[in-house]
Amino acid sequence: MINTGMPGDVGPEDVGHGDAAGRPIGRRIVLAMLGLGAAGVAVGPAVRDGVRAALSRVAPAAVPDDRGFRYFSVVGSVPRQDATTYRLTVGGLVDRPGTYTLDQLAALPQTTVVHDAVCTDGWQVDDVPFTGVLLRDLLDAAGVRDEGTAVRFTCFDGAYSESLTLEQARRGDVVVALRMFDEPVPHDSGGPVRLFVAPMYFYKSAKWLSGIEVTSQVQQGYWEDYGYPVDGWLPGEEPVGA
């Protein structure tokens, strides 16, 4: 479901957390520890507390929050940014490259996309409302050149990246999100600005978004380099003929 309006109209993640040196922790290790944590609820507080202590070292936000999200990063620490420090650059194969502050993004027409957030690890959160600027509006403002066929996204964690084809990026359910659940996107959820690609698995929705670059071809993102599909369509969402 998609609603279009102005700010305030509407009422991790799936990547493994890294150590301090930026090396990703294996998903299976984290998931196994989470399984032990669930078992610890039945076995006793000693087991549960031990598992949580271990998770705090390798994946401090792996335990679901009140809404069911698991938040991870691929580096050991992500710097925080706010309205005074945040900048989003739009460039590459465009006629009018630019830089947006958080306030400038918030002043643009806002669209809310409500969709399930689905992780490749098997968990999902239903009907999540993400509100922000349609990616295609930012691309139109920049003026994509004829040779531009794809869009690459970079993040201020210094490591994560993603890509979409230009056709995918121009969909009406792809937003540069400033709000979720009618609140500012929190840091652990990729704030203050993140991407939300509703019809694809959550790894395509880059957190801590800092750069949008129009390119001549799709460039593999962080998890695609580890074998993930470049087109991360959810079941039943892939367009006919795609």
C-alpha atoms as a PDB file:
ATOM      1  CA  MET A   1       0.000   0.000   0.000  1.00  0.00           C
ATOM      2  CA  ILE A   2       1.309   3.459  -0.897  1.00  0.00           C
ATOM      3  CA  ASN A   3       0.119   6.829   0.414  1.00  0.00           C
ATOM      4  CA  THR A   4       1.425  10.136  -0.869  1.00  0.00           C
ATOM      5  CA  GLY A   5       1.420  13.332   1.175  1.00  0.00           C
ATOM      6  CA  MET A   6       3.540  15.644   3.263  1.00  0.00           C
ATOM      7  CA  PRO A   7       5.589  14.849   6.386  1.00  0.00           C
ATOM      8  CA  GLY A   8       3.545  13.491   9.283  1.00  0.00           C
ATOM      9  CA  ASP A   9       0.624  12.211   7.192  1.00  0.00           C
ATOM     10  CA  VAL A  10       1.184   8.617   8.254  1.00  0.00           C
ATOM     11  CA  GLY A  11       0.612   7.629  11.352  1.00  0.00           C
ATOM     12  CA  PRO A  12      18.422  -5.410  10.367  1.00  0.00           C
ATOM     13  CA  GLU A  13      18.395  -6.364   9.483  1.00  0.00           C
ATOM     14  CA  ASP A  14      19.428  -9.260   7.368  1.00  0.00           C
ATOM     15  CA  VAL A  15      23.181  -8.759   7.421  1.00  0.00           C
ATOM     16  CA  GLY A  16      25.669 -10.185   9.883  1.00  0.00           C
ATOM     17  CA  HIS A  17      27.297  -7.934  12.450  1.00  0.00           C
ATOM     18  CA  GLY A  18      31.049  -7.471  12.198  1.00  0.00           C
ATOM     19  CA  ASP A  19      33.794  -7.259  14.773  1.00  0.00           C
ATOM     20  CA  ALA A  20      35.751  -4.133  15.582  1.00  0.00           C
ATOM     21  CA  ALA A  21      37.995  -4.678  12.568  1.00  0.00           C
ATOM     22  CA  GLY A  22      35.021  -4.781  10.227  1.00  0.00           C
ATOM     23  CA  ARG A  23      35.042  -8.517   9.471  1.00  0.00           C
ATOM     24  CA  PRO A  24      31.497  -9.919   9.139  1.00  0.00           C
ATOM     25  CA  ILE A  25      30.390 -12.471  11.688  1.00  0.00           C
ATOM     26  CA  GLY A  26      28.917 -15.578  10.055  1.00  0.00           C
ATOM     27  CA  ARG A  27      25.134 -15.663   9.881  1.00  0.00           C
ATOM     28  CA  ARG A  28      24.999 -19.290  10.961  1.00  0.00           C
ATOM     29  CA  ILE A  29      26.969 -18.510  14.101  1.00  0.00           C
ATOM     30  CA  VAL A  30      24.635 -15.683  15.022  1.00  0.00           C
ATOM     31  CA  LEU A  31      21.537 -17.721  14.240  1.00  0.00           C
ATOM     32  CA  ALA A  32      22.817 -20.655  16.275  1.00  0.00           C
ATOM     33  CA  MET A  33      23.403 -18.346  19.213  1.00  0.00           C
ATOM     34  CA  LEU A  34      19.930 -16.912  18.825  1.00  0.00           C
ATOM     35  CA  GLY A  35      18.567 -20.449  18.903  1.00  0.00           C
ATOM     36  CA  LEU A  36      20.423 -21.052  22.132  1.00  0.00           C
ATOM     37  CA  GLY A  37      19.003 -17.829  23.471  1.00  0.00           C
ATOM     38  CA  ALA A  38      15.504 -19.041  22.792  1.00  0.00           C
ATOM     39  CA  ALA A  39      16.335 -22.312  24.497  1.00  0.00           C
ATOM     40  CA  GLY A  40      17.707 -20.357  27.427  1.00  0.00           C
ATOM     41  CA  VAL A  41      14.274 -18.931  28.110  1.00  0.00           C
ATOM     42  CA  ALA A  42      13.157 -22.453  28.962  1.00  0.00           C
ATOM     43  CA  VAL A  43      16.398 -23.704  30.482  1.00  0.00           C
ATOM     44  CA  GLY A  44      17.011 -20.822  32.818  1.00  0.00           C
ATOM     45  CA  PRO A  45      18.338 -17.302  33.236  1.00  0.00           C
ATOM     46  CA  ALA A  46      21.965 -18.396  33.493  1.00  0.00           C
ATOM     47  CA  VAL A  47      21.950 -19.803  29.959  1.00  0.00           C
ATOM     48  CA  ARG A  48      19.951 -16.874  28.631  1.00  0.00           C
ATOM     49  CA  ASP A  49      22.236 -14.293  30.225  1.00  0.00           C
ATOM     50  CA  GLY A  50      25.332 -16.081  28.974  1.00  0.00           C
ATOM     51  CA  VAL A  51      24.050 -16.131  25.412  1.00  0.00           C
ATOM     52  CA  ARG A  52      23.083 -12.470  25.579  1.00  0.00           C
ATOM     53  CA  ALA A  53      26.522 -11.579  26.898  1.00  0.00           C
ATOM     54  CA  ALA A  54      28.119 -13.415  23.977  1.00  0.00           C
ATOM     55  CA  LEU A  55      25.744 -11.766  21.498  1.00  0.00           C
ATOM     56  CA  SER A  56      26.616  -8.375  22.942  1.00  0.00           C
ATOM     57  CA  ARG A  57      30.179  -8.969  21.759  1.00  0.00           C
ATOM     58  CA  VAL A  58      29.515 -10.293  18.234  1.00  0.00           C
ATOM     59  CA  ALA A  59      26.000  -9.073  17.411  1.00  0.00           C
ATOM     60  CA  PRO A  60      24.710  -6.709  20.080  1.00  0.00           C
ATOM     61  CA  ALA A  61      21.379  -6.067  18.366  1.00  0.00           C
ATOM     62  CA  ALA A  62      20.637  -9.591  17.151  1.00  0.00           C
ATOM     63  CA  VAL A  63      17.836 -10.137  19.656  1.00  0.00           C
ATOM     64  CA  PRO A  64      14.466  -9.004  18.231  1.00  0.00           C
ATOM     65  CA  ASP A  65      13.122  -5.664  19.431  1.00  0.00           C
ATOM     66  CA  ASP A  66       9.503  -5.074  20.427  1.00  0.00           C
ATOM     67  CA  ARG A  67       8.428  -4.965  16.776  1.00  0.00           C
ATOM     68  CA  GLY A  68      10.369  -8.069  15.764  1.00  0.00           C
ATOM     69  CA  PHE A  69      13.291  -6.427  13.951  1.00  0.00           C
ATOM     70  CA  ARG A  70      16.849  -7.686  14.229  1.00  0.00           C
ATOM     71  CA  TYR A  71      19.352  -4.952  13.547  1.00  0.00           C
ATOM     72  CA  PHE A  72      22.894  -5.708  12.378  1.00  0.00           C
ATOM     73  CA  SER A  73      25.732  -3.956  10.619  1.00  0.00           C
ATOM     74  CA  VAL A  74      28.641  -5.338   8.639  1.00  0.00           C
ATOM     75  CA  VAL A  75      31.164  -3.261  10.576  1.00  0.00           C
ATOM     76  CA  GLY A  76      31.999  -3.047  14.248  1.00  0.00           C
ATOM     77  CA  SER A  77      30.677   0.480  14.780  1.00  0.00           C
ATOM     78  CA  VAL A  78      28.640   2.957  12.749  1.00  0.00           C
ATOM     79  CA  PRO A  79      29.018   6.697  13.434  1.00  0.00           C
ATOM     80  CA  ARG A  80      25.868   8.591  14.319  1.00  0.00           C
ATOM     81  CA  GLN A  81      24.621  11.444  12.183  1.00  0.00           C
ATOM     82  CA  ASP A  82      21.850  13.942  12.790  1.00  0.00           C
ATOM     83  CA  ALA A  83      20.246  16.999  11.204  1.00  0.00           C
ATOM     84  CA  THR A  84      23.408  19.045  11.677  1.00  0.00           C
ATOM     85  CA  THR A  85      25.825  16.533  10.149  1.00  0.00           C
ATOM     86  CA  TYR A  86      23.845  14.374   7.720  1.00  0.00           C
ATOM     87  CA  ARG A  87      24.317  14.817   3.977  1.00  0.00           C
ATOM     88  CA  LEU A  88      22.989  12.767   1.039  1.00  0.00           C
ATOM     89  CA  THR A  89      24.776  13.192  -2.265  1.00  0.00           C
ATOM     90  CA  VAL A  90      23.172  12.460  -5.632  1.00  0.00           C
ATOM     91  CA  GLY A  91      25.576  12.210  -8.538  1.00  0.00           C
ATOM     92  CA  GLY A  92      27.106  10.047 -11.212  1.00  0.00           C
ATOM     93  CA  LEU A  93      25.581  10.144 -14.684  1.00  0.00           C
ATOM     94  CA  VAL A  94      23.285  13.100 -13.991  1.00  0.00           C
ATOM     95  CA  ASP A  95      23.044  16.664 -15.273  1.00  0.00           C
ATOM     96  CA  ARG A  96      22.437  18.285 -11.887  1.00  0.00           C
ATOM     97  CA  PRO A  97      24.356  16.573  -9.078  1.00  0.00           C
ATOM     98  CA  GLY A  98      23.436  17.779  -5.628  1.00  0.00           C
ATOM     99  CA  THR A  99      23.641  17.354  -1.894  1.00  0.00           C
ATOM    100  CA  TYR A 100      20.688  17.246   0.509  1.00  0.00           C
ATOM    101  CA  THR A 101      20.547  17.951   4.199  1.00  0.00           C
ATOM    102  CA  LEU A 102      18.063  16.126   6.387  1.00  0.00           C
ATOM    103  CA  ASP A 103      15.856  19.223   6.554  1.00  0.00           C
ATOM    104  CA  GLN A 104      15.891  19.582   2.780  1.00  0.00           C
ATOM    105  CA  LEU A 105      14.801  15.974   2.331  1.00  0.00           C
ATOM    106  CA  ALA A 106      12.031  16.437   4.886  1.00  0.00           C
ATOM    107  CA  ALA A 107      10.769  19.495   3.011  1.00  0.00           C
ATOM    108  CA  LEU A 108      10.185  17.494  -0.187  1.00  0.00           C
ATOM    109  CA  PRO A 109       6.878  15.707  -0.891  1.00  0.00           C
ATOM    110  CA  GLN A 110       6.686  12.595   1.247  1.00  0.00           C
ATOM    111  CA  THR A 111       5.318   9.173   0.316  1.00  0.00           C
ATOM    112  CA  THR A 112       4.492   6.338   2.693  1.00  0.00           C
ATOM    113  CA  VAL A 113       4.988   2.757   1.550  1.00  0.00           C
ATOM    114  CA  VAL A 114       3.494   0.021   3.744  1.00  0.00           C
ATOM    115  CA  HIS A 115       4.931  -3.423   3.087  1.00  0.00           C
ATOM    116  CA  ASP A 116       6.316  -6.450   4.885  1.00  0.00           C
ATOM    117  CA  ALA A 117      10.016  -6.280   5.722  1.00  0.00           C
ATOM    118  CA  VAL A 118      11.332  -9.748   4.875  1.00  0.00           C
ATOM    119  CA  CYS A 119      14.808 -11.016   5.725  1.00  0.00           C
ATOM    120  CA  THR A 120      16.569 -13.857   3.955  1.00  0.00           C
ATOM    121  CA  ASP A 121      17.188 -15.473   7.364  1.00  0.00           C
ATOM    122  CA  GLY A 122      13.483 -16.279   7.642  1.00  0.00           C
ATOM    123  CA  TRP A 123      12.096 -13.531   9.868  1.00  0.00           C
ATOM    124  CA  GLN A 124       9.779 -10.767   8.776  1.00  0.00           C
ATOM    125  CA  VAL A 125       7.797  -7.852  10.174  1.00  0.00           C
ATOM    126  CA  ASP A 126       4.410  -7.326   8.565  1.00  0.00           C
ATOM    127  CA  ASP A 127       2.992  -4.041   7.293  1.00  0.00           C
ATOM    128  CA  VAL A 128       5.891  -1.731   8.087  1.00  0.00           C
ATOM    129  CA  PRO A 129       5.226   1.920   7.118  1.00  0.00           C
ATOM    130  CA  PHE A 130       8.273   3.716   5.724  1.00  0.00           C
ATOM    131  CA  THR A 131       7.872   7.401   4.858  1.00  0.00           C
ATOM    132  CA  GLY A 132      10.209   9.486   2.765  1.00  0.00           C
ATOM    133  CA  VAL A 133      11.030  10.808  -0.680  1.00  0.00           C
ATOM    134  CA  LEU A 134      10.400   8.645  -3.698  1.00  0.00           C
ATOM    135  CA  LEU A 135      13.765   7.714  -5.145  1.00  0.00           C
ATOM    136  CA  ARG A 136      12.515   8.564  -8.615  1.00  0.00           C
ATOM    137  CA  ASP A 137      11.808  12.146  -7.493  1.00  0.00           C
ATOM    138  CA  LEU A 138      15.447  12.598  -6.504  1.00  0.00           C
ATOM    139  CA  LEU A 139      16.557  11.063  -9.785  1.00  0.00           C
ATOM    140  CA  ASP A 140      14.251  13.349 -11.766  1.00  0.00           C
ATOM    141  CA  ALA A 141      15.572  16.380  -9.894  1.00  0.00           C
ATOM    142  CA  ALA A 142      19.124  15.341 -10.774  1.00  0.00           C
ATOM    143  CA  GLY A 143      18.349  14.661 -14.437  1.00  0.00           C
ATOM    144  CA  VAL A 144      19.509  11.165 -15.367  1.00  0.00           C
ATOM    145  CA  ARG A 145      21.554  11.080 -18.543  1.00  0.00           C
ATOM    146  CA  ASP A 146      20.739   8.718 -21.390  1.00  0.00           C
ATOM    147  CA  GLU A 147      23.678   6.444 -20.548  1.00  0.00           C
ATOM    148  CA  GLY A 148      22.482   5.963 -16.978  1.00  0.00           C
ATOM    149  CA  THR A 149      20.879   2.536 -16.553  1.00  0.00           C
ATOM    150  CA  ALA A 150      21.418   1.715 -12.872  1.00  0.00           C
ATOM    151  CA  VAL A 151      21.712   3.274  -9.436  1.00  0.00           C
ATOM    152  CA  ARG A 152      24.335   2.493  -6.791  1.00  0.00           C
ATOM    153  CA  PHE A 153      23.848   3.265  -3.108  1.00  0.00           C
ATOM    154  CA  THR A 154      26.619   3.860  -0.592  1.00  0.00           C
ATOM    155  CA  CYS A 155      26.382   4.172   3.167  1.00  0.00           C
ATOM    156  CA  PHE A 156      28.146   6.127   5.882  1.00  0.00           C
ATOM    157  CA  ASP A 157      29.110   2.940   7.699  1.00  0.00           C
ATOM    158  CA  GLY A 158      31.929   2.931   5.149  1.00  0.00           C
ATOM    159  CA  ALA A 159      31.311  -0.613   3.917  1.00  0.00           C
ATOM    160  CA  TYR A 160      27.782  -1.367   2.736  1.00  0.00           C
ATOM    161  CA  SER A 161      26.557  -0.773  -0.805  1.00  0.00           C
ATOM    162  CA  GLU A 162      23.658  -1.834  -2.996  1.00  0.00           C
ATOM    163  CA  SER A 163      22.395  -1.338  -6.540  1.00  0.00           C
ATOM    164  CA  LEU A 164      19.179  -1.330  -8.529  1.00  0.00           C
ATOM    165  CA  THR A 165      18.459  -1.045 -12.207  1.00  0.00           C
ATOM    166  CA  LEU A 166      17.063   2.342 -13.171  1.00  0.00           C
ATOM    167  CA  GLU A 167      13.704   0.716 -13.885  1.00  0.00           C
ATOM    168  CA  GLN A 168      13.628  -0.790 -10.396  1.00  0.00           C
ATOM    169  CA  ALA A 169      14.743   2.469  -8.798  1.00  0.00           C
ATOM    170  CA  ARG A 170      11.904   4.377 -10.447  1.00  0.00           C
ATOM    171  CA  ARG A 171       9.172   2.200  -8.976  1.00  0.00           C
ATOM    172  CA  GLY A 172       6.546   3.841  -6.807  1.00  0.00           C
ATOM    173  CA  ASP A 173       7.373   1.593  -3.848  1.00  0.00           C
ATOM    174  CA  VAL A 174      11.049   2.527  -3.505  1.00  0.00           C
ATOM    175  CA  VAL A 175      11.645   5.359  -1.040  1.00  0.00           C
ATOM    176  CA  VAL A 176      14.497   7.191   0.600  1.00  0.00           C
ATOM    177  CA  ALA A 177      12.993   6.867   4.060  1.00  0.00           C
ATOM    178  CA  LEU A 178      13.222   9.393   6.881  1.00  0.00           C
ATOM    179  CA  ARG A 179      10.507   7.869   9.059  1.00  0.00           C
ATOM    180  CA  MET A 180       9.221   4.439  10.038  1.00  0.00           C
ATOM    181  CA  PHE A 181       6.167   3.773  12.195  1.00  0.00           C
ATOM    182  CA  ASP A 182       5.584   7.563  12.013  1.00  0.00           C
ATOM    183  CA  GLU A 183       8.805   8.260  13.913  1.00  0.00           C
ATOM    184  CA  PRO A 184      12.259   9.287  12.670  1.00  0.00           C
ATOM    185  CA  VAL A 185      14.238   6.271  11.494  1.00  0.00           C
ATOM    186  CA  PRO A 186      16.435   5.447  14.514  1.00  0.00           C
ATOM    187  CA  HIS A 187      20.163   4.919  14.196  1.00  0.00           C
ATOM    188  CA  ASP A 188      19.997   1.143  14.720  1.00  0.00           C
ATOM    189  CA  SER A 189      17.434   0.920  11.919  1.00  0.00           C
ATOM    190  CA  GLY A 190      19.682   2.769   9.486  1.00  0.00           C
ATOM    191  CA  GLY A 191      18.774   6.354  10.340  1.00  0.00           C
ATOM    192  CA  PRO A 192      18.562   9.129   9.923  1.00  0.00           C
ATOM    193  CA  VAL A 193      17.985   8.118   6.278  1.00  0.00           C
ATOM    194  CA  ARG A 194      17.763   4.662   4.757  1.00  0.00           C
ATOM    195  CA  LEU A 195      16.530   3.067   1.558  1.00  0.00           C
ATOM    196  CA  PHE A 196      13.380   0.945   1.483  1.00  0.00           C
ATOM    197  CA  VAL A 197      12.852  -1.278  -1.557  1.00  0.00           C
ATOM    198  CA  ALA A 198       9.469  -2.763  -0.721  1.00  0.00           C
ATOM    199  CA  PRO A 199       9.252  -5.632  -3.256  1.00  0.00           C
ATOM    200  CA  MET A 200      12.700  -7.048  -2.466  1.00  0.00           C
ATOM    201  CA  TYR A 201      14.376  -8.811   0.432  1.00  0.00           C
ATOM    202  CA  PHE A 202      15.520  -6.446   3.151  1.00  0.00           C
ATOM    203  CA  TYR A 203      19.221  -6.647   2.278  1.00  0.00           C
ATOM    204  CA  LYS A 204      18.413  -4.498  -0.754  1.00  0.00           C
ATOM    205  CA  SER A 205      17.181  -1.695   1.544  1.00  0.00           C
ATOM    206  CA  ALA A 206      20.509  -0.099   2.407  1.00  0.00           C
ATOM    207  CA  LYS A 207      20.798   1.452   5.864  1.00  0.00           C
ATOM    208  CA  TRP A 208      22.715   4.640   6.789  1.00  0.00           C
ATOM    209  CA  LEU A 209      22.295   5.917   3.237  1.00  0.00           C
ATOM    210  CA  SER A 210      24.784   8.595   2.211  1.00  0.00           C
ATOM    211  CA  GLY A 211      25.200   8.377  -1.558  1.00  0.00           C
ATOM    212  CA  ILE A 212      23.077   7.810  -4.652  1.00  0.00           C
ATOM    213  CA  GLU A 213      25.088   7.384  -7.856  1.00  0.00           C
ATOM    214  CA  VAL A 214      23.651   6.816 -11.317  1.00  0.00           C
ATOM    215  CA  THR A 215      25.848   4.363 -13.223  1.00  0.00           C
ATOM    216  CA  SER A 216      26.021   2.802 -16.670  1.00  0.00           C
ATOM    217  CA  GLN A 217      25.494  -0.723 -15.319  1.00  0.00           C
ATOM    218  CA  VAL A 218      24.459  -2.515 -12.143  1.00  0.00           C
ATOM    219  CA  GLN A 219      27.316  -2.926  -9.690  1.00  0.00           C
ATOM    220  CA  GLN A 220      27.187  -5.736  -7.179  1.00  0.00           C
ATOM    221  CA  GLY A 221      26.477  -4.727  -3.617  1.00  0.00           C
ATOM    222  CA  TYR A 222      28.016  -5.956  -0.375  1.00  0.00           C
ATOM    223  CA  TRP A 223      26.075  -9.213  -0.089  1.00  0.00           C
ATOM    224  CA  GLU A 224      26.038  -9.884  -3.819  1.00  0.00           C
ATOM    225  CA  ASP A 225      29.807 -10.254  -3.517  1.00  0.00           C
ATOM    226  CA  TYR A 226      29.047 -13.139  -1.148  1.00  0.00           C
ATOM    227  CA  GLY A 227      26.658 -14.826  -3.585  1.00  0.00           C
ATOM    228  CA  TYR A 228      23.330 -13.136  -2.901  1.00  0.00           C
ATOM    229  CA  PRO A 229      21.108 -12.446  -5.941  1.00  0.00           C
ATOM    230  CA  VAL A 230      21.526  -9.030  -7.523  1.00  0.00           C
ATOM    231  CA  ASP A 231      17.761  -8.944  -8.032  1.00  0.00           C
ATOM    232  CA  GLY A 232      16.394  -9.735  -4.590  1.00  0.00           C
ATOM    233  CA  TRP A 233      12.712 -10.010  -5.498  1.00  0.00           C
ATOM    234  CA  LEU A 234      10.348 -11.348  -2.872  1.00  0.00           C
ATOM    235  CA  PRO A 235       8.222 -14.318  -3.976  1.00  0.00           C
ATOM    236  CA  GLY A 236       5.376 -13.100  -6.146  1.00  0.00           C
ATOM    237  CA  GLU A 237       6.817  -9.578  -6.506  1.00  0.00           C
ATOM    238  CA  GLU A 238       9.012 -10.064  -9.568  1.00  0.00           C
ATOM    239  CA  PRO A 239       7.491  -8.305 -12.593  1.00  0.00           C
ATOM    240  CA  VAL A 240       6.364 -10.491 -15.457  1.00  0.00           C
ATOM    241  CA  GLY A 241       9.217 -10.841 -17.928  1.00  0.00           C
ATOM    242  CA  ALA A 242      11.851  -9.554 -15.485  1.00  0.00           C
END
